[in-house]
C-alpha atoms as a PDB file:
ATOM      1  CA  UNK A   1     -65.689 -35.150 -62.989  1.00  0.00           C
ATOM      2  CA  UNK A   2     -68.999 -34.477 -61.971  1.00  0.00           C
ATOM      3  CA  UNK A   3     -69.260 -37.929 -60.556  1.00  0.00           C
ATOM      4  CA  UNK A   4     -66.080 -37.280 -58.480  1.00  0.00           C
ATOM      5  CA  UNK A   5     -67.400 -33.874 -57.075  1.00  0.00           C
ATOM      6  CA  UNK A   6     -70.720 -35.426 -56.090  1.00  0.00           C
ATOM      7  CA  UNK A   7     -68.505 -38.180 -54.461  1.00  0.00           C
ATOM      8  CA  UNK A   8     -66.542 -35.860 -52.384  1.00  0.00           C
ATOM      9  CA  UNK A   9     -69.454 -33.896 -51.227  1.00  0.00           C
ATOM     10  CA  UNK A  10     -71.098 -36.218 -48.730  1.00  0.00           C
ATOM     11  CA  UNK A  11     -72.518 -36.242 -45.318  1.00  0.00           C
ATOM     12  CA  UNK A  12     -69.980 -38.639 -43.507  1.00  0.00           C
ATOM     13  CA  UNK A  13     -71.043 -40.737 -40.701  1.00  0.00           C
ATOM     14  CA  UNK A  14     -68.741 -41.396 -37.633  1.00  0.00           C
ATOM     15  CA  UNK A  15     -68.897 -42.241 -34.008  1.00  0.00           C
ATOM     16  CA  UNK A  16     -69.843 -39.116 -31.999  1.00  0.00           C
ATOM     17  CA  UNK A  17     -69.535 -39.012 -28.095  1.00  0.00           C
ATOM     18  CA  UNK A  18     -71.261 -36.357 -26.004  1.00  0.00           C
ATOM     19  CA  UNK A  19     -70.791 -34.885 -22.444  1.00  0.00           C
ATOM     20  CA  UNK A  20     -73.988 -33.578 -20.912  1.00  0.00           C
ATOM     21  CA  UNK A  21     -73.708 -30.136 -19.933  1.00  0.00           C
ATOM     22  CA  UNK A  22     -77.125 -29.347 -18.988  1.00  0.00           C
ATOM     23  CA  UNK A  23     -77.503 -26.010 -20.665  1.00  0.00           C
ATOM     24  CA  UNK A  24     -76.476 -24.433 -24.022  1.00  0.00           C
ATOM     25  CA  UNK A  25     -72.889 -23.640 -24.584  1.00  0.00           C
ATOM     26  CA  UNK A  26     -70.997 -21.199 -26.550  1.00  0.00           C
ATOM     27  CA  UNK A  27     -67.081 -20.700 -26.328  1.00  0.00           C
ATOM     28  CA  UNK A  28     -64.533 -23.389 -26.260  1.00  0.00           C
ATOM     29  CA  UNK A  29     -60.434 -23.182 -25.159  1.00  0.00           C
ATOM     30  CA  UNK A  30     -58.041 -25.590 -23.716  1.00  0.00           C
ATOM     31  CA  UNK A  31     -55.732 -25.072 -20.811  1.00  0.00           C
ATOM     32  CA  UNK A  32     -54.341 -26.844 -18.043  1.00  0.00           C
ATOM     33  CA  UNK A  33     -54.547 -30.114 -19.829  1.00  0.00           C
ATOM     34  CA  UNK A  34     -58.496 -29.794 -19.874  1.00  0.00           C
ATOM     35  CA  UNK A  35     -61.316 -28.564 -22.366  1.00  0.00           C
ATOM     36  CA  UNK A  36     -63.238 -25.368 -21.167  1.00  0.00           C
ATOM     37  CA  UNK A  37     -66.803 -24.812 -21.984  1.00  0.00           C
ATOM     38  CA  UNK A  38     -68.708 -21.638 -21.736  1.00  0.00           C
ATOM     39  CA  UNK A  39     -72.199 -21.957 -20.352  1.00  0.00           C
ATOM     40  CA  UNK A  40     -74.695 -19.585 -22.050  1.00  0.00           C
ATOM     41  CA  UNK A  41     -77.562 -20.652 -19.973  1.00  0.00           C
ATOM     42  CA  UNK A  42     -75.829 -21.591 -16.853  1.00  0.00           C
ATOM     43  CA  UNK A  43     -73.349 -18.733 -16.620  1.00  0.00           C
ATOM     44  CA  UNK A  44     -70.369 -20.869 -15.585  1.00  0.00           C
ATOM     45  CA  UNK A  45     -67.255 -21.986 -17.120  1.00  0.00           C
ATOM     46  CA  UNK A  46     -67.353 -25.836 -17.309  1.00  0.00           C
ATOM     47  CA  UNK A  47     -63.989 -27.852 -17.338  1.00  0.00           C
ATOM     48  CA  UNK A  48     -64.017 -31.243 -19.077  1.00  0.00           C
ATOM     49  CA  UNK A  49     -61.341 -34.187 -18.987  1.00  0.00           C
ATOM     50  CA  UNK A  50     -60.323 -34.594 -22.752  1.00  0.00           C
ATOM     51  CA  UNK A  51     -59.778 -38.357 -22.338  1.00  0.00           C
ATOM     52  CA  UNK A  52     -62.996 -39.368 -20.511  1.00  0.00           C
ATOM     53  CA  UNK A  53     -65.156 -36.554 -21.624  1.00  0.00           C
ATOM     54  CA  UNK A  54     -66.377 -36.022 -18.048  1.00  0.00           C
ATOM     55  CA  UNK A  55     -67.260 -32.727 -16.371  1.00  0.00           C
ATOM     56  CA  UNK A  56     -64.395 -32.132 -13.756  1.00  0.00           C
ATOM     57  CA  UNK A  57     -65.667 -28.874 -12.344  1.00  0.00           C
ATOM     58  CA  UNK A  58     -67.793 -25.750 -12.870  1.00  0.00           C
ATOM     59  CA  UNK A  59     -66.597 -22.374 -12.071  1.00  0.00           C
ATOM     60  CA  UNK A  60     -69.076 -19.744 -11.691  1.00  0.00           C
ATOM     61  CA  UNK A  61     -68.522 -16.716 -13.942  1.00  0.00           C
ATOM     62  CA  UNK A  62     -71.752 -14.848 -13.988  1.00  0.00           C
ATOM     63  CA  UNK A  63     -75.126 -15.032 -16.011  1.00  0.00           C
ATOM     64  CA  UNK A  64     -74.408 -15.651 -19.745  1.00  0.00           C
ATOM     65  CA  UNK A  65     -70.880 -16.708 -20.981  1.00  0.00           C
ATOM     66  CA  UNK A  66     -70.061 -16.254 -24.473  1.00  0.00           C
ATOM     67  CA  UNK A  67     -66.736 -16.869 -25.992  1.00  0.00           C
ATOM     68  CA  UNK A  68     -63.435 -17.982 -24.345  1.00  0.00           C
ATOM     69  CA  UNK A  69     -59.734 -17.315 -25.042  1.00  0.00           C
ATOM     70  CA  UNK A  70     -56.685 -19.378 -23.793  1.00  0.00           C
ATOM     71  CA  UNK A  71     -53.532 -17.351 -22.642  1.00  0.00           C
ATOM     72  CA  UNK A  72     -50.469 -18.528 -20.846  1.00  0.00           C
ATOM     73  CA  UNK A  73     -51.817 -20.506 -17.538  1.00  0.00           C
ATOM     74  CA  UNK A  74     -55.182 -18.692 -18.129  1.00  0.00           C
ATOM     75  CA  UNK A  75     -58.622 -19.136 -19.569  1.00  0.00           C
ATOM     76  CA  UNK A  76     -60.365 -15.785 -20.197  1.00  0.00           C
ATOM     77  CA  UNK A  77     -64.309 -15.696 -20.416  1.00  0.00           C
ATOM     78  CA  UNK A  78     -66.802 -12.904 -21.430  1.00  0.00           C
ATOM     79  CA  UNK A  79     -69.958 -12.660 -19.497  1.00  0.00           C
ATOM     80  CA  UNK A  80     -72.457 -11.077 -22.130  1.00  0.00           C
ATOM     81  CA  UNK A  81     -75.012 -10.163 -19.637  1.00  0.00           C
ATOM     82  CA  UNK A  82     -72.862  -8.667 -16.665  1.00  0.00           C
ATOM     83  CA  UNK A  83     -70.377  -6.822 -19.092  1.00  0.00           C
ATOM     84  CA  UNK A  84     -67.240  -8.445 -17.807  1.00  0.00           C
ATOM     85  CA  UNK A  85     -64.166 -10.341 -18.794  1.00  0.00           C
ATOM     86  CA  UNK A  86     -63.204 -13.031 -16.142  1.00  0.00           C
ATOM     87  CA  UNK A  87     -59.874 -14.387 -15.744  1.00  0.00           C
ATOM     88  CA  UNK A  88     -59.676 -18.158 -14.484  1.00  0.00           C
ATOM     89  CA  UNK A  89     -56.329 -19.841 -13.315  1.00  0.00           C
ATOM     90  CA  UNK A  90     -56.100 -22.965 -15.839  1.00  0.00           C
ATOM     91  CA  UNK A  91     -54.459 -25.003 -13.201  1.00  0.00           C
ATOM     92  CA  UNK A  92     -56.477 -24.450 -10.119  1.00  0.00           C
ATOM     93  CA  UNK A  93     -59.857 -23.384 -11.854  1.00  0.00           C
ATOM     94  CA  UNK A  94     -60.186 -20.224  -9.713  1.00  0.00           C
ATOM     95  CA  UNK A  95     -61.315 -16.944 -10.758  1.00  0.00           C
ATOM     96  CA  UNK A  96     -58.259 -14.651 -10.211  1.00  0.00           C
ATOM     97  CA  UNK A  97     -59.935 -11.573 -11.738  1.00  0.00           C
ATOM     98  CA  UNK A  98     -63.135  -9.796 -13.028  1.00  0.00           C
ATOM     99  CA  UNK A  99     -62.708  -7.020 -15.356  1.00  0.00           C
ATOM    100  CA  UNK A 100     -65.835  -4.574 -16.428  1.00  0.00           C
ATOM    101  CA  UNK A 101     -65.925  -4.119 -19.983  1.00  0.00           C
ATOM    102  CA  UNK A 102     -68.104  -2.516 -22.549  1.00  0.00           C
ATOM    103  CA  UNK A 103     -71.833  -3.490 -23.356  1.00  0.00           C
ATOM    104  CA  UNK A 104     -72.749  -6.936 -24.283  1.00  0.00           C
ATOM    105  CA  UNK A 105     -69.137  -8.426 -24.784  1.00  0.00           C
ATOM    106  CA  UNK A 106     -69.327 -10.974 -27.510  1.00  0.00           C
ATOM    107  CA  UNK A 107     -65.724 -12.438 -28.282  1.00  0.00           C
ATOM    108  CA  UNK A 108     -62.368 -12.344 -26.277  1.00  0.00           C
ATOM    109  CA  UNK A 109     -58.994 -13.008 -27.904  1.00  0.00           C
ATOM    110  CA  UNK A 110     -55.524 -13.306 -26.334  1.00  0.00           C
ATOM    111  CA  UNK A 111     -52.493 -11.695 -28.270  1.00  0.00           C
ATOM    112  CA  UNK A 112     -49.717  -9.369 -28.114  1.00  0.00           C
ATOM    113  CA  UNK A 113     -49.627  -9.700 -24.468  1.00  0.00           C
ATOM    114  CA  UNK A 114     -53.424  -8.688 -24.090  1.00  0.00           C
ATOM    115  CA  UNK A 115     -56.758  -9.794 -23.729  1.00  0.00           C
ATOM    116  CA  UNK A 116     -58.905  -8.043 -26.541  1.00  0.00           C
ATOM    117  CA  UNK A 117     -62.808  -7.848 -26.117  1.00  0.00           C
ATOM    118  CA  UNK A 118     -65.426  -7.133 -28.819  1.00  0.00           C
ATOM    119  CA  UNK A 119     -68.456  -5.449 -26.988  1.00  0.00           C
ATOM    120  CA  UNK A 120     -71.285  -5.803 -29.691  1.00  0.00           C
ATOM    121  CA  UNK A 121     -73.539  -3.193 -27.681  1.00  0.00           C
ATOM    122  CA  UNK A 122     -71.431  -0.165 -27.921  1.00  0.00           C
ATOM    123  CA  UNK A 123     -69.398  -0.627 -31.247  1.00  0.00           C
ATOM    124  CA  UNK A 124     -65.999  -0.940 -29.300  1.00  0.00           C
ATOM    125  CA  UNK A 125     -62.958  -3.187 -28.786  1.00  0.00           C
ATOM    126  CA  UNK A 126     -61.313  -3.168 -25.217  1.00  0.00           C
ATOM    127  CA  UNK A 127     -57.881  -4.042 -24.690  1.00  0.00           C
ATOM    128  CA  UNK A 128     -56.874  -5.518 -21.355  1.00  0.00           C
ATOM    129  CA  UNK A 129     -52.997  -5.564 -20.227  1.00  0.00           C
ATOM    130  CA  UNK A 130     -51.819  -6.955 -16.956  1.00  0.00           C
ATOM    131  CA  UNK A 131     -55.623  -7.018 -15.641  1.00  0.00           C
ATOM    132  CA  UNK A 132     -56.254  -3.428 -16.411  1.00  0.00           C
ATOM    133  CA  UNK A 133     -58.149  -1.865 -19.430  1.00  0.00           C
ATOM    134  CA  UNK A 134     -55.550   0.345 -21.517  1.00  0.00           C
ATOM    135  CA  UNK A 135     -57.555   1.250 -24.492  1.00  0.00           C
ATOM    136  CA  UNK A 136     -60.955   1.501 -25.808  1.00  0.00           C
ATOM    137  CA  UNK A 137     -61.312   1.365 -29.428  1.00  0.00           C
ATOM    138  CA  UNK A 138     -64.314   2.609 -31.319  1.00  0.00           C
ATOM    139  CA  UNK A 139     -64.696   0.205 -34.434  1.00  0.00           C
ATOM    140  CA  UNK A 140     -68.165   0.644 -35.734  1.00  0.00           C
ATOM    141  CA  UNK A 141     -71.640  -0.463 -34.452  1.00  0.00           C
ATOM    142  CA  UNK A 142     -71.692  -4.156 -33.548  1.00  0.00           C
ATOM    143  CA  UNK A 143     -68.238  -6.087 -33.257  1.00  0.00           C
ATOM    144  CA  UNK A 144     -68.289  -9.607 -33.354  1.00  0.00           C
ATOM    145  CA  UNK A 145     -65.509 -11.805 -33.750  1.00  0.00           C
ATOM    146  CA  UNK A 146     -62.211 -11.235 -33.378  1.00  0.00           C
ATOM    147  CA  UNK A 147     -58.713 -12.838 -33.846  1.00  0.00           C
ATOM    148  CA  UNK A 148     -55.014 -11.788 -33.140  1.00  0.00           C
ATOM    149  CA  UNK A 149     -53.261 -12.940 -36.360  1.00  0.00           C
ATOM    150  CA  UNK A 150     -49.984 -12.042 -38.335  1.00  0.00           C
ATOM    151  CA  UNK A 151     -49.150  -8.691 -36.479  1.00  0.00           C
ATOM    152  CA  UNK A 152     -52.817  -7.263 -36.322  1.00  0.00           C
ATOM    153  CA  UNK A 153     -56.046  -7.739 -34.611  1.00  0.00           C
ATOM    154  CA  UNK A 154     -58.970  -8.273 -36.892  1.00  0.00           C
ATOM    155  CA  UNK A 155     -62.411  -7.754 -35.951  1.00  0.00           C
ATOM    156  CA  UNK A 156     -65.792  -8.071 -37.649  1.00  0.00           C
ATOM    157  CA  UNK A 157     -68.757  -5.798 -37.438  1.00  0.00           C
ATOM    158  CA  UNK A 158     -71.796  -7.601 -38.114  1.00  0.00           C
ATOM    159  CA  UNK A 159     -74.297  -4.688 -38.295  1.00  0.00           C
ATOM    160  CA  UNK A 160     -72.197  -2.727 -40.738  1.00  0.00           C
ATOM    161  CA  UNK A 161     -71.011  -5.473 -42.626  1.00  0.00           C
ATOM    162  CA  UNK A 162     -67.104  -4.967 -42.479  1.00  0.00           C
ATOM    163  CA  UNK A 163     -63.737  -6.366 -41.165  1.00  0.00           C
ATOM    164  CA  UNK A 164     -61.349  -3.983 -39.502  1.00  0.00           C
ATOM    165  CA  UNK A 165     -57.587  -4.398 -38.772  1.00  0.00           C
ATOM    166  CA  UNK A 166     -56.317  -2.861 -35.763  1.00  0.00           C
ATOM    167  CA  UNK A 167     -52.467  -2.267 -35.181  1.00  0.00           C
ATOM    168  CA  UNK A 168     -51.671  -3.489 -31.646  1.00  0.00           C
ATOM    169  CA  UNK A 169     -48.667  -1.191 -31.814  1.00  0.00           C
ATOM    170  CA  UNK A 170     -50.811   2.030 -31.997  1.00  0.00           C
ATOM    171  CA  UNK A 171     -54.102   0.628 -30.974  1.00  0.00           C
ATOM    172  CA  UNK A 172     -55.372   2.330 -34.097  1.00  0.00           C
ATOM    173  CA  UNK A 173     -57.845   1.006 -37.039  1.00  0.00           C
ATOM    174  CA  UNK A 174     -55.329   0.689 -40.135  1.00  0.00           C
ATOM    175  CA  UNK A 175     -57.891  -0.868 -42.804  1.00  0.00           C
ATOM    176  CA  UNK A 176     -61.453  -1.780 -43.624  1.00  0.00           C
ATOM    177  CA  UNK A 177     -63.006  -4.427 -46.034  1.00  0.00           C
ATOM    178  CA  UNK A 178     -66.744  -4.598 -46.810  1.00  0.00           C
ATOM    179  CA  UNK A 179     -68.064  -7.989 -45.879  1.00  0.00           C
ATOM    180  CA  UNK A 180     -71.872  -8.544 -45.150  1.00  0.00           C
ATOM    181  CA  UNK A 181     -72.969 -10.179 -42.119  1.00  0.00           C
ATOM    182  CA  UNK A 182     -69.400 -10.792 -40.855  1.00  0.00           C
ATOM    183  CA  UNK A 183     -68.876 -12.656 -37.691  1.00  0.00           C
ATOM    184  CA  UNK A 184     -66.208 -15.337 -36.571  1.00  0.00           C
ATOM    185  CA  UNK A 185     -62.745 -15.170 -37.885  1.00  0.00           C
ATOM    186  CA  UNK A 186     -59.845 -17.309 -37.895  1.00  0.00           C
ATOM    187  CA  UNK A 187     -56.238 -17.524 -39.703  1.00  0.00           C
ATOM    188  CA  UNK A 188     -54.492 -19.661 -41.683  1.00  0.00           C
ATOM    189  CA  UNK A 189     -51.309 -18.943 -43.993  1.00  0.00           C
ATOM    190  CA  UNK A 190     -51.441 -15.527 -45.421  1.00  0.00           C
ATOM    191  CA  UNK A 191     -55.227 -15.343 -44.888  1.00  0.00           C
ATOM    192  CA  UNK A 192     -58.017 -14.791 -42.560  1.00  0.00           C
ATOM    193  CA  UNK A 193     -61.327 -16.666 -43.100  1.00  0.00           C
ATOM    194  CA  UNK A 194     -64.553 -14.740 -41.840  1.00  0.00           C
ATOM    195  CA  UNK A 195     -67.746 -16.572 -41.337  1.00  0.00           C
ATOM    196  CA  UNK A 196     -70.852 -14.463 -42.752  1.00  0.00           C
ATOM    197  CA  UNK A 197     -74.484 -14.765 -41.784  1.00  0.00           C
ATOM    198  CA  UNK A 198     -75.006 -14.523 -45.421  1.00  0.00           C
ATOM    199  CA  UNK A 199     -74.500 -18.413 -45.505  1.00  0.00           C
ATOM    200  CA  UNK A 200     -70.579 -17.839 -46.652  1.00  0.00           C
ATOM    201  CA  UNK A 201     -67.281 -17.857 -45.599  1.00  0.00           C
ATOM    202  CA  UNK A 202     -64.727 -15.436 -47.047  1.00  0.00           C
ATOM    203  CA  UNK A 203     -61.207 -15.571 -47.493  1.00  0.00           C
ATOM    204  CA  UNK A 204     -59.219 -12.549 -47.018  1.00  0.00           C
ATOM    205  CA  UNK A 205     -55.810 -11.727 -47.735  1.00  0.00           C
ATOM    206  CA  UNK A 206     -53.682 -10.403 -44.927  1.00  0.00           C
ATOM    207  CA  UNK A 207     -51.138  -8.568 -47.304  1.00  0.00           C
ATOM    208  CA  UNK A 208     -53.751  -6.872 -49.657  1.00  0.00           C
ATOM    209  CA  UNK A 209     -56.803  -6.908 -47.304  1.00  0.00           C
ATOM    210  CA  UNK A 210     -58.974  -7.991 -50.094  1.00  0.00           C
ATOM    211  CA  UNK A 211     -61.344 -10.739 -50.504  1.00  0.00           C
ATOM    212  CA  UNK A 212     -59.594 -13.669 -52.492  1.00  0.00           C
ATOM    213  CA  UNK A 213     -62.128 -16.493 -52.215  1.00  0.00           C
ATOM    214  CA  UNK A 214     -65.623 -17.391 -51.148  1.00  0.00           C
ATOM    215  CA  UNK A 215     -67.302 -20.546 -49.694  1.00  0.00           C
ATOM    216  CA  UNK A 216     -71.052 -21.315 -49.969  1.00  0.00           C
ATOM    217  CA  UNK A 217     -71.904 -22.877 -46.852  1.00  0.00           C
ATOM    218  CA  UNK A 218     -75.179 -23.830 -45.054  1.00  0.00           C
ATOM    219  CA  UNK A 219     -77.320 -21.783 -43.103  1.00  0.00           C
ATOM    220  CA  UNK A 220     -75.681 -19.357 -40.457  1.00  0.00           C
ATOM    221  CA  UNK A 221     -71.710 -20.387 -40.119  1.00  0.00           C
ATOM    222  CA  UNK A 222     -70.074 -19.294 -36.957  1.00  0.00           C
ATOM    223  CA  UNK A 223     -67.201 -20.615 -34.879  1.00  0.00           C
ATOM    224  CA  UNK A 224     -64.891 -22.076 -37.398  1.00  0.00           C
ATOM    225  CA  UNK A 225     -61.492 -23.560 -36.735  1.00  0.00           C
ATOM    226  CA  UNK A 226     -58.797 -25.500 -38.809  1.00  0.00           C
ATOM    227  CA  UNK A 227     -58.384 -29.193 -38.616  1.00  0.00           C
ATOM    228  CA  UNK A 228     -55.178 -29.672 -40.230  1.00  0.00           C
ATOM    229  CA  UNK A 229     -55.392 -27.994 -43.654  1.00  0.00           C
ATOM    230  CA  UNK A 230     -59.319 -27.952 -43.442  1.00  0.00           C
ATOM    231  CA  UNK A 231     -61.686 -25.315 -42.257  1.00  0.00           C
ATOM    232  CA  UNK A 232     -64.361 -26.780 -40.010  1.00  0.00           C
ATOM    233  CA  UNK A 233     -67.360 -24.507 -40.131  1.00  0.00           C
ATOM    234  CA  UNK A 234     -70.414 -25.179 -37.757  1.00  0.00           C
ATOM    235  CA  UNK A 235     -73.721 -24.039 -39.312  1.00  0.00           C
ATOM    236  CA  UNK A 236     -76.118 -23.389 -36.293  1.00  0.00           C
ATOM    237  CA  UNK A 237     -79.380 -23.193 -38.365  1.00  0.00           C
ATOM    238  CA  UNK A 238     -78.496 -26.041 -40.422  1.00  0.00           C
ATOM    239  CA  UNK A 239     -77.434 -28.368 -37.721  1.00  0.00           C
ATOM    240  CA  UNK A 240     -74.250 -29.382 -39.507  1.00  0.00           C
ATOM    241  CA  UNK A 241     -70.414 -28.997 -39.658  1.00  0.00           C
ATOM    242  CA  UNK A 242     -69.147 -28.095 -43.346  1.00  0.00           C
ATOM    243  CA  UNK A 243     -65.943 -28.945 -44.068  1.00  0.00           C
ATOM    244  CA  UNK A 244     -64.197 -26.401 -46.458  1.00  0.00           C
ATOM    245  CA  UNK A 245     -61.016 -27.040 -48.606  1.00  0.00           C
ATOM    246  CA  UNK A 246     -59.317 -23.462 -48.121  1.00  0.00           C
ATOM    247  CA  UNK A 247     -57.555 -23.705 -51.284  1.00  0.00           C
ATOM    248  CA  UNK A 248     -60.655 -24.029 -53.692  1.00  0.00           C
ATOM    249  CA  UNK A 249     -62.921 -22.809 -51.123  1.00  0.00           C
ATOM    250  CA  UNK A 250     -65.426 -25.622 -51.872  1.00  0.00           C
ATOM    251  CA  UNK A 251     -67.426 -27.580 -49.144  1.00  0.00           C
ATOM    252  CA  UNK A 252     -65.929 -30.930 -49.488  1.00  0.00           C
ATOM    253  CA  UNK A 253     -68.043 -32.747 -46.913  1.00  0.00           C
ATOM    254  CA  UNK A 254     -70.706 -32.196 -44.397  1.00  0.00           C
ATOM    255  CA  UNK A 255     -71.135 -33.532 -40.802  1.00  0.00           C
ATOM    256  CA  UNK A 256     -74.722 -33.643 -39.244  1.00  0.00           C
ATOM    257  CA  UNK A 257     -74.290 -32.269 -35.687  1.00  0.00           C
ATOM    258  CA  UNK A 258     -77.564 -31.583 -33.601  1.00  0.00           C
ATOM    259  CA  UNK A 259     -78.293 -28.666 -31.223  1.00  0.00           C
ATOM    260  CA  UNK A 260     -77.344 -25.776 -33.139  1.00  0.00           C
ATOM    261  CA  UNK A 261     -73.580 -26.294 -33.425  1.00  0.00           C
ATOM    262  CA  UNK A 262     -71.805 -22.903 -32.722  1.00  0.00           C
ATOM    263  CA  UNK A 263     -67.873 -23.331 -32.164  1.00  0.00           C
ATOM    264  CA  UNK A 264     -65.598 -26.069 -33.310  1.00  0.00           C
ATOM    265  CA  UNK A 265     -62.344 -26.717 -31.232  1.00  0.00           C
ATOM    266  CA  UNK A 266     -59.496 -29.163 -32.391  1.00  0.00           C
ATOM    267  CA  UNK A 267     -57.846 -30.440 -29.449  1.00  0.00           C
ATOM    268  CA  UNK A 268     -56.509 -33.667 -27.890  1.00  0.00           C
ATOM    269  CA  UNK A 269     -56.871 -35.396 -31.201  1.00  0.00           C
ATOM    270  CA  UNK A 270     -60.606 -34.747 -31.247  1.00  0.00           C
ATOM    271  CA  UNK A 271     -62.937 -32.245 -32.484  1.00  0.00           C
ATOM    272  CA  UNK A 272     -65.100 -30.577 -29.926  1.00  0.00           C
ATOM    273  CA  UNK A 273     -68.397 -28.946 -30.779  1.00  0.00           C
ATOM    274  CA  UNK A 274     -70.536 -26.791 -28.539  1.00  0.00           C
ATOM    275  CA  UNK A 275     -74.432 -26.551 -29.053  1.00  0.00           C
ATOM    276  CA  UNK A 276     -76.475 -23.262 -28.986  1.00  0.00           C
ATOM    277  CA  UNK A 277     -79.695 -24.794 -28.450  1.00  0.00           C
ATOM    278  CA  UNK A 278     -78.474 -28.249 -27.115  1.00  0.00           C
ATOM    279  CA  UNK A 279     -77.371 -29.090 -23.882  1.00  0.00           C
ATOM    280  CA  UNK A 280     -74.328 -31.287 -24.783  1.00  0.00           C
ATOM    281  CA  UNK A 281     -70.717 -30.847 -25.843  1.00  0.00           C
ATOM    282  CA  UNK A 282     -70.120 -33.354 -28.740  1.00  0.00           C
ATOM    283  CA  UNK A 283     -66.715 -35.076 -29.511  1.00  0.00           C
ATOM    284  CA  UNK A 284     -65.889 -36.046 -33.005  1.00  0.00           C
END
């Protein structure tokens, strides 16, 4: 059994293609038949052809683009430096609205007919509906990752070490669970999975709001996603993507990816990985 476990946990090789972006990147999303990449260093939104991997267009957003969110016909992006949420038409690539938000927006998510923005600099989550800010919710000190899943908005607070649940019907916080270094959040089944800067990913039941499992991963996991029934976890300080079995919460494989991999997106039959320190978009 020990030999089998060792065989499962491998660094697997495979062909990796890259697109030269020219600066570090963060968020990834799909819309209008394209992959969209947020330029941390360039301040633009880069449109990439999923078949060829070529850059099709660059949309000026601001100064420092962090995360992205896909909505019907739209890509939302947050500018961490200029404190704005920017809406881009996914078909034409035109900016259709710029919405001032809180200080140092980090993440954005679409759900329940709204865009939700986690503002890391002022401890708030802002809700944007029909292009207008309709609610500002105080949740702690440093909101980072958030996701809309199973009837709620789930938000991490990295500094205070917790995950909170927001009811979109009332815009009120309805629960809290302690989780050190909480960051990115993604959902599957009856659970959410939270990347922690303590080199862990925790599985939390959405019904009981309790931790039901912990995976030990490489240094500084962040923008995870599900590829089929496996959780792909980019570990930016280890230059690898760890593959986690969500049933056992064990790392079953590791994929070396240079450039500080920060977000993984599964789309168009490929796995796309942005680089926090490199200048390329990787496709696996």
